[in-house]
N, C-alpha and C. Protein backbone atom coordinates (compact mmCIF):
# COMPACT_ATOMS: atom_id res chain seq x y z
N MET A 1 0.85 -1.19 0.00
CA MET A 1 0.00 0.00 0.00
C MET A 1 0.89 1.25 0.00
N LEU A 2 0.69 2.08 -0.96
CA LEU A 2 1.46 3.31 -1.06
C LEU A 2 0.59 4.46 -0.55
N VAL A 3 1.07 5.13 0.50
CA VAL A 3 0.30 6.25 1.06
C VAL A 3 0.67 7.52 0.31
N LYS A 4 -0.26 8.01 -0.49
CA LYS A 4 0.01 9.22 -1.27
C LYS A 4 -0.54 10.46 -0.57
N LYS A 5 -1.68 10.28 0.12
CA LYS A 5 -2.32 11.41 0.80
C LYS A 5 -2.77 10.98 2.18
N ALA A 6 -2.66 11.88 3.14
CA ALA A 6 -3.16 11.60 4.49
C ALA A 6 -3.53 12.92 5.15
N ALA A 7 -4.67 12.92 5.82
CA ALA A 7 -5.12 14.15 6.50
C ALA A 7 -6.07 13.77 7.63
N LEU A 8 -6.10 14.63 8.66
CA LEU A 8 -7.09 14.46 9.72
C LEU A 8 -8.45 14.82 9.12
N ASP A 9 -9.39 13.88 9.20
CA ASP A 9 -10.67 14.05 8.53
C ASP A 9 -11.78 14.45 9.51
N ILE A 10 -11.96 13.66 10.57
CA ILE A 10 -13.08 13.87 11.50
C ILE A 10 -12.59 13.63 12.93
N VAL A 11 -13.02 14.49 13.86
CA VAL A 11 -12.71 14.32 15.28
C VAL A 11 -14.03 14.12 16.02
N CYS A 12 -14.13 13.02 16.76
CA CYS A 12 -15.38 12.72 17.48
C CYS A 12 -15.15 12.72 18.99
N GLY A 13 -16.00 13.45 19.69
CA GLY A 13 -15.98 13.45 21.15
C GLY A 13 -17.07 12.56 21.70
N TYR A 14 -17.32 12.72 23.01
CA TYR A 14 -18.27 11.84 23.70
C TYR A 14 -19.65 11.81 23.05
N THR A 15 -20.11 12.97 22.62
CA THR A 15 -21.50 13.05 22.14
C THR A 15 -21.60 13.04 20.61
N SER A 16 -20.46 12.96 19.94
CA SER A 16 -20.47 13.03 18.46
C SER A 16 -21.10 11.80 17.84
N GLU A 17 -21.68 12.02 16.69
CA GLU A 17 -22.10 10.91 15.84
C GLU A 17 -20.86 10.46 15.06
N PHE A 18 -20.63 9.16 15.01
CA PHE A 18 -19.49 8.68 14.24
C PHE A 18 -19.83 8.72 12.75
N PRO A 19 -18.81 8.90 11.91
CA PRO A 19 -19.09 8.97 10.47
C PRO A 19 -19.63 7.64 9.96
N GLU A 20 -20.48 7.73 8.96
CA GLU A 20 -20.97 6.49 8.32
C GLU A 20 -19.79 5.79 7.66
N GLY A 21 -19.89 4.48 7.58
CA GLY A 21 -18.76 3.71 7.07
C GLY A 21 -18.62 3.76 5.56
N ARG A 22 -18.34 4.94 5.04
CA ARG A 22 -18.14 5.07 3.58
C ARG A 22 -16.84 4.42 3.15
N PHE A 23 -15.86 4.41 4.07
CA PHE A 23 -14.54 3.85 3.75
C PHE A 23 -14.21 2.74 4.74
N PRO A 24 -13.39 1.77 4.32
CA PRO A 24 -12.91 0.77 5.27
C PRO A 24 -12.17 1.46 6.41
N GLN A 25 -12.32 0.93 7.62
CA GLN A 25 -11.68 1.54 8.80
C GLN A 25 -10.72 0.54 9.46
N ILE A 26 -9.57 1.07 9.86
CA ILE A 26 -8.59 0.31 10.64
C ILE A 26 -8.43 1.07 11.95
N ALA A 27 -8.75 0.44 13.08
CA ALA A 27 -8.67 1.12 14.37
C ALA A 27 -7.37 0.76 15.08
N PHE A 28 -6.86 1.74 15.84
CA PHE A 28 -5.61 1.57 16.60
C PHE A 28 -5.93 1.73 18.08
N ALA A 29 -5.66 0.68 18.87
CA ALA A 29 -5.96 0.70 20.30
C ALA A 29 -4.70 0.36 21.08
N GLY A 30 -4.64 0.86 22.32
CA GLY A 30 -3.49 0.54 23.17
C GLY A 30 -3.43 1.49 24.34
N LYS A 31 -2.54 1.17 25.29
CA LYS A 31 -2.46 2.04 26.46
C LYS A 31 -1.85 3.39 26.09
N SER A 32 -1.96 4.31 27.00
CA SER A 32 -1.68 5.72 26.71
C SER A 32 -0.29 6.02 26.16
N ASN A 33 0.74 5.30 26.58
CA ASN A 33 2.08 5.68 26.12
C ASN A 33 2.74 4.58 25.29
N VAL A 34 1.91 3.82 24.56
CA VAL A 34 2.45 2.66 23.84
C VAL A 34 3.01 3.04 22.47
N GLY A 35 2.70 4.25 21.99
CA GLY A 35 3.26 4.71 20.71
C GLY A 35 2.29 4.67 19.55
N LYS A 36 0.98 4.82 19.85
CA LYS A 36 -0.02 4.81 18.78
C LYS A 36 0.20 5.93 17.77
N SER A 37 0.38 7.14 18.28
CA SER A 37 0.56 8.29 17.37
C SER A 37 1.81 8.13 16.51
N SER A 38 2.87 7.60 17.11
CA SER A 38 4.12 7.38 16.34
C SER A 38 3.90 6.37 15.23
N LEU A 39 3.16 5.30 15.53
CA LEU A 39 2.86 4.29 14.51
C LEU A 39 2.01 4.89 13.39
N ILE A 40 0.95 5.59 13.77
CA ILE A 40 0.05 6.18 12.77
C ILE A 40 0.81 7.17 11.88
N ASN A 41 1.62 8.03 12.51
CA ASN A 41 2.41 9.00 11.74
C ASN A 41 3.34 8.30 10.75
N LEU A 42 4.01 7.24 11.20
CA LEU A 42 4.95 6.54 10.31
C LEU A 42 4.21 5.85 9.17
N LEU A 43 3.07 5.23 9.48
CA LEU A 43 2.29 4.58 8.41
C LEU A 43 1.82 5.61 7.38
N MET A 44 1.47 6.81 7.87
CA MET A 44 0.96 7.86 6.97
C MET A 44 2.08 8.65 6.31
N ASN A 45 3.32 8.37 6.74
CA ASN A 45 4.48 9.12 6.22
C ASN A 45 4.41 10.59 6.58
N ARG A 46 3.90 10.89 7.76
CA ARG A 46 3.80 12.27 8.24
C ARG A 46 4.50 12.36 9.59
N LYS A 47 5.17 13.48 9.82
CA LYS A 47 5.91 13.60 11.08
C LYS A 47 5.01 13.82 12.29
N SER A 48 4.00 14.65 12.15
CA SER A 48 3.23 14.99 13.35
C SER A 48 1.75 15.23 13.08
N LEU A 49 1.18 14.47 12.16
CA LEU A 49 -0.25 14.61 11.90
C LEU A 49 -1.03 14.10 13.11
N ALA A 50 -0.67 12.89 13.57
CA ALA A 50 -1.22 12.40 14.84
C ALA A 50 -0.33 12.96 15.95
N ARG A 51 -0.94 13.60 16.94
CA ARG A 51 -0.13 14.28 17.95
C ARG A 51 0.52 13.30 18.91
N THR A 52 1.86 13.41 19.00
CA THR A 52 2.58 12.61 19.98
C THR A 52 2.85 13.50 21.18
N SER A 53 3.04 12.87 22.33
CA SER A 53 3.23 13.67 23.53
C SER A 53 4.03 12.88 24.56
N ALA A 54 4.81 13.61 25.36
CA ALA A 54 5.54 12.97 26.45
C ALA A 54 4.59 12.64 27.60
N SER A 55 3.48 13.37 27.67
CA SER A 55 2.50 13.09 28.73
C SER A 55 1.40 12.20 28.16
N PRO A 56 1.24 10.98 28.73
CA PRO A 56 0.24 10.05 28.22
C PRO A 56 -1.17 10.62 28.26
N GLY A 57 -2.02 10.11 27.38
CA GLY A 57 -3.43 10.50 27.39
C GLY A 57 -3.74 11.72 26.57
N LYS A 58 -2.89 12.02 25.59
CA LYS A 58 -3.09 13.22 24.75
C LYS A 58 -4.36 13.08 23.91
N THR A 59 -4.57 11.87 23.38
CA THR A 59 -5.75 11.66 22.54
C THR A 59 -6.97 11.42 23.42
N GLN A 60 -7.90 12.38 23.44
CA GLN A 60 -9.10 12.24 24.26
C GLN A 60 -10.34 12.18 23.38
N THR A 61 -10.11 12.10 22.09
CA THR A 61 -11.20 12.01 21.12
C THR A 61 -10.90 10.81 20.23
N ILE A 62 -11.86 10.44 19.42
CA ILE A 62 -11.60 9.42 18.39
C ILE A 62 -11.33 10.18 17.10
N ASN A 63 -10.12 10.02 16.59
CA ASN A 63 -9.68 10.78 15.42
C ASN A 63 -9.65 9.90 14.18
N PHE A 64 -10.32 10.37 13.14
CA PHE A 64 -10.38 9.65 11.86
C PHE A 64 -9.44 10.33 10.87
N TYR A 65 -8.41 9.59 10.41
CA TYR A 65 -7.49 10.11 9.40
C TYR A 65 -7.86 9.47 8.07
N ILE A 66 -7.97 10.31 7.04
CA ILE A 66 -8.33 9.79 5.72
C ILE A 66 -7.04 9.54 4.93
N ILE A 67 -6.91 8.32 4.43
CA ILE A 67 -5.71 7.91 3.70
C ILE A 67 -6.09 7.67 2.24
N ASN A 68 -5.36 8.33 1.33
CA ASN A 68 -5.58 8.16 -0.13
C ASN A 68 -7.04 8.35 -0.53
N ASP A 69 -7.77 9.14 0.24
CA ASP A 69 -9.20 9.42 -0.03
C ASP A 69 -10.10 8.19 0.02
N ASN A 70 -9.59 7.06 0.58
CA ASN A 70 -10.45 5.88 0.58
C ASN A 70 -10.30 4.91 1.75
N ILE A 71 -9.54 5.27 2.77
CA ILE A 71 -9.42 4.44 3.98
C ILE A 71 -9.38 5.37 5.19
N HIS A 72 -10.01 4.96 6.29
CA HIS A 72 -9.90 5.69 7.55
C HIS A 72 -9.00 4.93 8.52
N PHE A 73 -7.97 5.60 9.04
CA PHE A 73 -7.24 5.12 10.20
C PHE A 73 -7.93 5.77 11.40
N VAL A 74 -8.32 4.96 12.38
CA VAL A 74 -9.10 5.47 13.51
C VAL A 74 -8.26 5.36 14.78
N ASP A 75 -7.86 6.50 15.32
CA ASP A 75 -7.02 6.57 16.52
C ASP A 75 -7.93 6.65 17.75
N LEU A 76 -7.94 5.57 18.53
CA LEU A 76 -8.78 5.52 19.73
C LEU A 76 -8.01 6.07 20.93
N PRO A 77 -8.72 6.67 21.91
CA PRO A 77 -8.03 7.18 23.10
C PRO A 77 -7.29 6.05 23.82
N GLY A 78 -6.10 6.35 24.31
CA GLY A 78 -5.32 5.35 25.04
C GLY A 78 -5.94 5.05 26.38
N TYR A 79 -5.74 3.84 26.84
CA TYR A 79 -6.23 3.49 28.18
C TYR A 79 -5.05 3.36 29.13
N GLY A 80 -5.34 3.40 30.42
CA GLY A 80 -4.27 3.14 31.40
C GLY A 80 -3.78 4.36 32.13
N TYR A 81 -2.64 4.89 31.70
CA TYR A 81 -1.87 5.82 32.53
C TYR A 81 -2.33 7.26 32.57
N ALA A 82 -3.22 7.63 31.69
CA ALA A 82 -3.57 9.06 31.57
C ALA A 82 -4.00 9.65 32.89
N LYS A 83 -3.45 10.82 33.18
CA LYS A 83 -3.77 11.50 34.45
C LYS A 83 -5.08 12.26 34.33
N VAL A 84 -6.15 11.50 34.29
CA VAL A 84 -7.47 12.12 34.23
C VAL A 84 -8.35 11.43 35.27
N SER A 85 -9.46 12.05 35.58
CA SER A 85 -10.35 11.51 36.61
C SER A 85 -10.94 10.18 36.16
N LYS A 86 -11.40 9.43 37.14
CA LYS A 86 -12.02 8.13 36.86
C LYS A 86 -13.25 8.29 35.97
N SER A 87 -14.03 9.33 36.23
CA SER A 87 -15.25 9.54 35.43
C SER A 87 -14.90 9.86 33.98
N GLU A 88 -13.80 10.60 33.80
CA GLU A 88 -13.33 10.93 32.44
C GLU A 88 -12.91 9.65 31.71
N LYS A 89 -12.17 8.79 32.41
CA LYS A 89 -11.73 7.52 31.82
C LYS A 89 -12.94 6.67 31.44
N GLU A 90 -13.95 6.67 32.31
CA GLU A 90 -15.16 5.88 32.03
C GLU A 90 -15.87 6.41 30.78
N LYS A 91 -15.86 7.74 30.62
CA LYS A 91 -16.46 8.35 29.41
C LYS A 91 -15.71 7.89 28.17
N TRP A 92 -14.37 7.91 28.24
CA TRP A 92 -13.56 7.44 27.11
C TRP A 92 -13.92 6.00 26.79
N GLY A 93 -14.00 5.17 27.85
CA GLY A 93 -14.30 3.75 27.68
C GLY A 93 -15.64 3.54 26.98
N ARG A 94 -16.64 4.30 27.41
CA ARG A 94 -17.97 4.18 26.80
C ARG A 94 -17.95 4.63 25.34
N MET A 95 -17.18 5.70 25.08
CA MET A 95 -17.09 6.23 23.71
C MET A 95 -16.42 5.19 22.79
N VAL A 96 -15.32 4.59 23.26
CA VAL A 96 -14.61 3.59 22.47
C VAL A 96 -15.51 2.37 22.23
N GLU A 97 -16.20 1.95 23.28
CA GLU A 97 -17.10 0.80 23.17
C GLU A 97 -18.22 1.08 22.16
N ARG A 98 -18.77 2.29 22.24
CA ARG A 98 -19.84 2.67 21.32
C ARG A 98 -19.33 2.65 19.87
N TYR A 99 -18.11 3.18 19.67
CA TYR A 99 -17.53 3.15 18.32
C TYR A 99 -17.37 1.71 17.84
N LEU A 100 -16.72 0.87 18.66
CA LEU A 100 -16.44 -0.50 18.24
C LEU A 100 -17.72 -1.30 18.01
N ASN A 101 -18.76 -0.99 18.77
CA ASN A 101 -20.04 -1.69 18.62
C ASN A 101 -20.82 -1.28 17.38
N THR A 102 -20.53 -0.09 16.87
CA THR A 102 -21.36 0.44 15.78
C THR A 102 -20.61 0.60 14.45
N ALA A 103 -19.31 0.36 14.46
CA ALA A 103 -18.49 0.60 13.26
C ALA A 103 -18.68 -0.52 12.24
N THR A 104 -19.55 -0.30 11.30
CA THR A 104 -19.87 -1.33 10.30
C THR A 104 -18.74 -1.52 9.28
N ALA A 105 -17.90 -0.52 9.11
CA ALA A 105 -16.82 -0.61 8.10
C ALA A 105 -15.48 -1.00 8.71
N LEU A 106 -15.48 -1.39 10.00
CA LEU A 106 -14.23 -1.72 10.69
C LEU A 106 -13.67 -3.04 10.16
N LYS A 107 -12.46 -2.98 9.62
CA LYS A 107 -11.82 -4.17 9.05
C LYS A 107 -10.91 -4.88 10.04
N CYS A 108 -10.37 -4.13 11.00
CA CYS A 108 -9.44 -4.73 11.96
C CYS A 108 -9.15 -3.74 13.09
N VAL A 109 -8.89 -4.28 14.29
CA VAL A 109 -8.36 -3.47 15.38
C VAL A 109 -6.90 -3.88 15.56
N LEU A 110 -6.01 -2.92 15.43
CA LEU A 110 -4.59 -3.16 15.71
C LEU A 110 -4.38 -2.83 17.18
N LEU A 111 -4.09 -3.85 17.97
CA LEU A 111 -3.85 -3.66 19.40
C LEU A 111 -2.36 -3.52 19.63
N LEU A 112 -1.95 -2.36 20.14
CA LEU A 112 -0.53 -2.09 20.36
C LEU A 112 -0.15 -2.44 21.79
N VAL A 113 0.94 -3.18 21.94
CA VAL A 113 1.48 -3.50 23.26
C VAL A 113 2.98 -3.21 23.25
N ASP A 114 3.50 -2.83 24.39
CA ASP A 114 4.93 -2.51 24.54
C ASP A 114 5.71 -3.82 24.61
N ILE A 115 6.62 -4.03 23.67
CA ILE A 115 7.36 -5.29 23.59
C ILE A 115 8.23 -5.55 24.83
N ARG A 116 8.54 -4.51 25.59
CA ARG A 116 9.43 -4.66 26.75
C ARG A 116 8.74 -5.28 27.95
N HIS A 117 7.41 -5.29 27.93
CA HIS A 117 6.67 -5.75 29.11
C HIS A 117 5.66 -6.84 28.75
N ASN A 118 5.31 -7.65 29.72
CA ASN A 118 4.21 -8.57 29.52
C ASN A 118 2.93 -7.76 29.38
N PRO A 119 1.94 -8.28 28.65
CA PRO A 119 0.69 -7.52 28.48
C PRO A 119 0.07 -7.17 29.84
N SER A 120 -0.45 -5.96 29.93
CA SER A 120 -1.09 -5.50 31.17
C SER A 120 -2.50 -6.06 31.26
N GLU A 121 -3.10 -5.90 32.42
CA GLU A 121 -4.48 -6.33 32.62
C GLU A 121 -5.40 -5.63 31.61
N ASN A 122 -5.14 -4.33 31.38
CA ASN A 122 -5.94 -3.57 30.41
C ASN A 122 -5.76 -4.10 28.99
N ASP A 123 -4.52 -4.49 28.63
CA ASP A 123 -4.26 -5.06 27.30
C ASP A 123 -5.08 -6.35 27.13
N ILE A 124 -5.07 -7.18 28.16
CA ILE A 124 -5.79 -8.46 28.11
C ILE A 124 -7.29 -8.21 28.01
N LEU A 125 -7.80 -7.27 28.80
CA LEU A 125 -9.24 -6.94 28.75
C LEU A 125 -9.63 -6.45 27.36
N MET A 126 -8.79 -5.58 26.78
CA MET A 126 -9.08 -5.04 25.45
C MET A 126 -9.08 -6.15 24.41
N LYS A 127 -8.08 -7.00 24.46
CA LYS A 127 -8.00 -8.13 23.51
C LYS A 127 -9.22 -9.02 23.65
N ASP A 128 -9.57 -9.36 24.90
CA ASP A 128 -10.73 -10.25 25.14
C ASP A 128 -12.01 -9.61 24.61
N TRP A 129 -12.14 -8.29 24.81
CA TRP A 129 -13.35 -7.58 24.38
C TRP A 129 -13.44 -7.59 22.84
N ILE A 130 -12.31 -7.33 22.18
CA ILE A 130 -12.27 -7.32 20.71
C ILE A 130 -12.69 -8.68 20.17
N VAL A 131 -12.09 -9.75 20.71
CA VAL A 131 -12.36 -11.10 20.24
C VAL A 131 -13.80 -11.51 20.55
N ALA A 132 -14.27 -11.18 21.77
CA ALA A 132 -15.64 -11.55 22.18
C ALA A 132 -16.68 -10.89 21.28
N ASN A 133 -16.34 -9.74 20.74
CA ASN A 133 -17.28 -9.03 19.86
C ASN A 133 -17.09 -9.38 18.38
N GLY A 134 -16.26 -10.37 18.14
CA GLY A 134 -16.11 -10.88 16.77
C GLY A 134 -15.37 -9.94 15.84
N LEU A 135 -14.57 -9.03 16.40
CA LEU A 135 -13.83 -8.09 15.56
C LEU A 135 -12.47 -8.69 15.18
N PRO A 136 -12.01 -8.47 13.94
CA PRO A 136 -10.69 -8.95 13.54
C PRO A 136 -9.60 -8.25 14.36
N LEU A 137 -8.58 -9.01 14.77
CA LEU A 137 -7.53 -8.49 15.64
C LEU A 137 -6.15 -8.76 15.05
N ALA A 138 -5.28 -7.76 15.15
CA ALA A 138 -3.85 -7.96 14.91
C ALA A 138 -3.12 -7.25 16.04
N VAL A 139 -1.95 -7.74 16.40
CA VAL A 139 -1.19 -7.16 17.51
C VAL A 139 0.10 -6.55 16.97
N VAL A 140 0.41 -5.34 17.47
CA VAL A 140 1.65 -4.67 17.11
C VAL A 140 2.49 -4.50 18.37
N ALA A 141 3.65 -5.15 18.39
CA ALA A 141 4.57 -5.04 19.53
C ALA A 141 5.49 -3.85 19.27
N THR A 142 5.26 -2.75 20.00
CA THR A 142 5.97 -1.50 19.74
C THR A 142 7.29 -1.40 20.52
N LYS A 143 8.07 -0.38 20.16
CA LYS A 143 9.31 -0.03 20.85
C LYS A 143 10.36 -1.14 20.76
N ALA A 144 10.38 -1.81 19.61
CA ALA A 144 11.31 -2.93 19.41
C ALA A 144 12.77 -2.49 19.47
N ASP A 145 13.03 -1.21 19.22
CA ASP A 145 14.42 -0.72 19.28
C ASP A 145 14.94 -0.62 20.71
N LYS A 146 14.03 -0.74 21.69
CA LYS A 146 14.41 -0.56 23.10
C LYS A 146 14.91 -1.86 23.74
N ILE A 147 14.84 -2.97 22.99
CA ILE A 147 15.37 -4.22 23.55
C ILE A 147 16.42 -4.80 22.61
N LYS A 148 17.24 -5.71 23.15
CA LYS A 148 18.27 -6.35 22.33
C LYS A 148 17.61 -7.31 21.36
N ARG A 149 18.21 -7.45 20.19
CA ARG A 149 17.65 -8.36 19.18
C ARG A 149 17.51 -9.78 19.71
N SER A 150 18.45 -10.16 20.59
CA SER A 150 18.42 -11.52 21.14
C SER A 150 17.19 -11.74 22.04
N GLN A 151 16.57 -10.65 22.51
CA GLN A 151 15.40 -10.77 23.39
C GLN A 151 14.07 -10.75 22.64
N LEU A 152 14.11 -10.41 21.35
CA LEU A 152 12.89 -10.25 20.57
C LEU A 152 11.97 -11.47 20.63
N LYS A 153 12.53 -12.63 20.31
CA LYS A 153 11.72 -13.85 20.24
C LYS A 153 11.07 -14.14 21.60
N LYS A 154 11.86 -14.02 22.65
CA LYS A 154 11.37 -14.29 24.01
C LYS A 154 10.21 -13.36 24.36
N GLN A 155 10.37 -12.08 24.05
CA GLN A 155 9.33 -11.10 24.38
C GLN A 155 8.06 -11.30 23.55
N LEU A 156 8.23 -11.63 22.27
CA LEU A 156 7.07 -11.90 21.42
C LEU A 156 6.30 -13.13 21.91
N THR A 157 7.04 -14.14 22.36
CA THR A 157 6.41 -15.34 22.92
C THR A 157 5.62 -14.98 24.18
N ALA A 158 6.20 -14.11 25.03
CA ALA A 158 5.53 -13.69 26.27
C ALA A 158 4.24 -12.92 25.95
N ILE A 159 4.27 -12.11 24.90
CA ILE A 159 3.08 -11.34 24.50
C ILE A 159 2.00 -12.29 23.99
N LYS A 160 2.39 -13.22 23.12
CA LYS A 160 1.41 -14.18 22.57
C LYS A 160 0.78 -15.01 23.68
N LYS A 161 1.62 -15.43 24.63
CA LYS A 161 1.13 -16.24 25.75
C LYS A 161 0.25 -15.41 26.68
N GLY A 162 0.72 -14.19 27.01
CA GLY A 162 -0.01 -13.32 27.94
C GLY A 162 -1.38 -12.92 27.41
N LEU A 163 -1.47 -12.71 26.10
CA LEU A 163 -2.75 -12.33 25.48
C LEU A 163 -3.57 -13.54 25.03
N GLU A 164 -2.96 -14.73 25.19
CA GLU A 164 -3.61 -15.98 24.75
C GLU A 164 -4.08 -15.86 23.29
N LEU A 165 -3.14 -15.48 22.44
CA LEU A 165 -3.47 -15.28 21.03
C LEU A 165 -3.59 -16.61 20.31
N SER A 166 -4.50 -16.66 19.36
CA SER A 166 -4.61 -17.85 18.52
C SER A 166 -3.45 -17.83 17.53
N GLU A 167 -3.18 -18.99 16.96
CA GLU A 167 -2.09 -19.11 15.98
C GLU A 167 -2.28 -18.19 14.79
N GLU A 168 -3.56 -17.92 14.46
CA GLU A 168 -3.87 -17.12 13.26
C GLU A 168 -3.70 -15.62 13.47
N THR A 169 -3.62 -15.19 14.73
CA THR A 169 -3.55 -13.74 14.98
C THR A 169 -2.22 -13.17 14.50
N PRO A 170 -2.23 -12.22 13.57
CA PRO A 170 -0.97 -11.62 13.12
C PRO A 170 -0.33 -10.80 14.24
N VAL A 171 0.99 -10.93 14.38
CA VAL A 171 1.75 -10.14 15.36
C VAL A 171 2.90 -9.47 14.61
N PHE A 172 2.95 -8.15 14.71
CA PHE A 172 3.99 -7.38 14.03
C PHE A 172 4.94 -6.77 15.06
N THR A 173 6.22 -6.76 14.73
CA THR A 173 7.22 -6.09 15.56
C THR A 173 7.45 -4.71 14.96
N PHE A 174 7.39 -3.67 15.81
CA PHE A 174 7.43 -2.30 15.28
C PHE A 174 8.39 -1.41 16.06
N SER A 175 9.11 -0.58 15.32
CA SER A 175 9.92 0.49 15.91
C SER A 175 9.79 1.73 15.04
N SER A 176 9.28 2.81 15.63
CA SER A 176 9.14 4.04 14.84
C SER A 176 10.51 4.62 14.54
N LEU A 177 11.44 4.43 15.46
CA LEU A 177 12.79 4.97 15.30
C LEU A 177 13.49 4.33 14.09
N LYS A 178 13.37 3.02 13.97
CA LYS A 178 14.04 2.30 12.89
C LYS A 178 13.12 2.02 11.70
N LYS A 179 11.88 2.49 11.81
CA LYS A 179 10.87 2.24 10.76
C LYS A 179 10.65 0.75 10.52
N GLN A 180 10.91 -0.03 11.54
CA GLN A 180 10.76 -1.48 11.46
C GLN A 180 9.27 -1.85 11.52
N GLY A 181 8.85 -2.69 10.60
CA GLY A 181 7.47 -3.18 10.61
C GLY A 181 6.52 -2.36 9.76
N ARG A 182 6.93 -1.20 9.31
CA ARG A 182 6.02 -0.32 8.56
C ARG A 182 5.45 -1.01 7.32
N GLU A 183 6.34 -1.55 6.49
CA GLU A 183 5.90 -2.14 5.23
C GLU A 183 5.01 -3.36 5.46
N GLU A 184 5.36 -4.18 6.46
CA GLU A 184 4.56 -5.38 6.76
C GLU A 184 3.15 -5.00 7.21
N ILE A 185 3.05 -3.96 8.05
CA ILE A 185 1.74 -3.54 8.54
C ILE A 185 0.91 -2.95 7.40
N LEU A 186 1.53 -2.13 6.56
CA LEU A 186 0.82 -1.55 5.41
C LEU A 186 0.34 -2.64 4.45
N GLU A 187 1.18 -3.65 4.26
CA GLU A 187 0.81 -4.76 3.37
C GLU A 187 -0.40 -5.51 3.95
N TYR A 188 -0.38 -5.69 5.27
CA TYR A 188 -1.49 -6.37 5.94
C TYR A 188 -2.79 -5.56 5.78
N ILE A 189 -2.69 -4.24 5.99
CA ILE A 189 -3.86 -3.36 5.84
C ILE A 189 -4.37 -3.42 4.40
N ASP A 190 -3.43 -3.42 3.48
CA ASP A 190 -3.74 -3.53 2.04
C ASP A 190 -4.61 -4.76 1.77
N GLY A 191 -4.20 -5.88 2.36
CA GLY A 191 -4.92 -7.13 2.18
C GLY A 191 -6.33 -7.08 2.74
N LEU A 192 -6.52 -6.30 3.81
CA LEU A 192 -7.84 -6.18 4.45
C LEU A 192 -8.77 -5.24 3.67
N THR A 193 -8.19 -4.21 3.09
CA THR A 193 -9.01 -3.16 2.48
C THR A 193 -9.09 -3.27 0.96
N GLY A 194 -8.20 -4.11 0.40
CA GLY A 194 -8.20 -4.30 -1.05
C GLY A 194 -7.73 -3.07 -1.81
N GLU A 195 -6.93 -2.22 -1.13
CA GLU A 195 -6.43 -1.01 -1.80
C GLU A 195 -5.09 -1.28 -2.44
């Protein structure tokens, strides 16, 4: 998949109506500091279209990026570390759930997990929720440049085991710094969307 054009298309808050599924959608989920914005920016070939931040929880809306005028990348609010009130987190949770329950054009949820750590309770809950709702799942193990190459296999095994992934679930190793995994993920998205 060659990304020729990318732009922020629609921003949805708690009370927004989500856009009708005119285009295939790929959603990105993960905890607050797992590197979602970095992944989205690298896939789109843009430095800062999706806002990255040193303080977790920057994305508090569901952001739809239009790619090549015919695919939506959907950036979901991160879960976990964000320094916001419990009621605010619950609102985010309800908003994400409402999106995932109603997104008729959703082709896959890419669940991002930090390769350096075993999956968190929130990662496991998110994975279980995605699978229980019959949504297609792929896992992206981020921050691969932060560990030694000799540890990669061990950490990927720990992620697969911790999330209890089926053999068929695609798992990608990703590093925004080294641009590792970009082409494989785009190829996978290509296969899902037929672009």
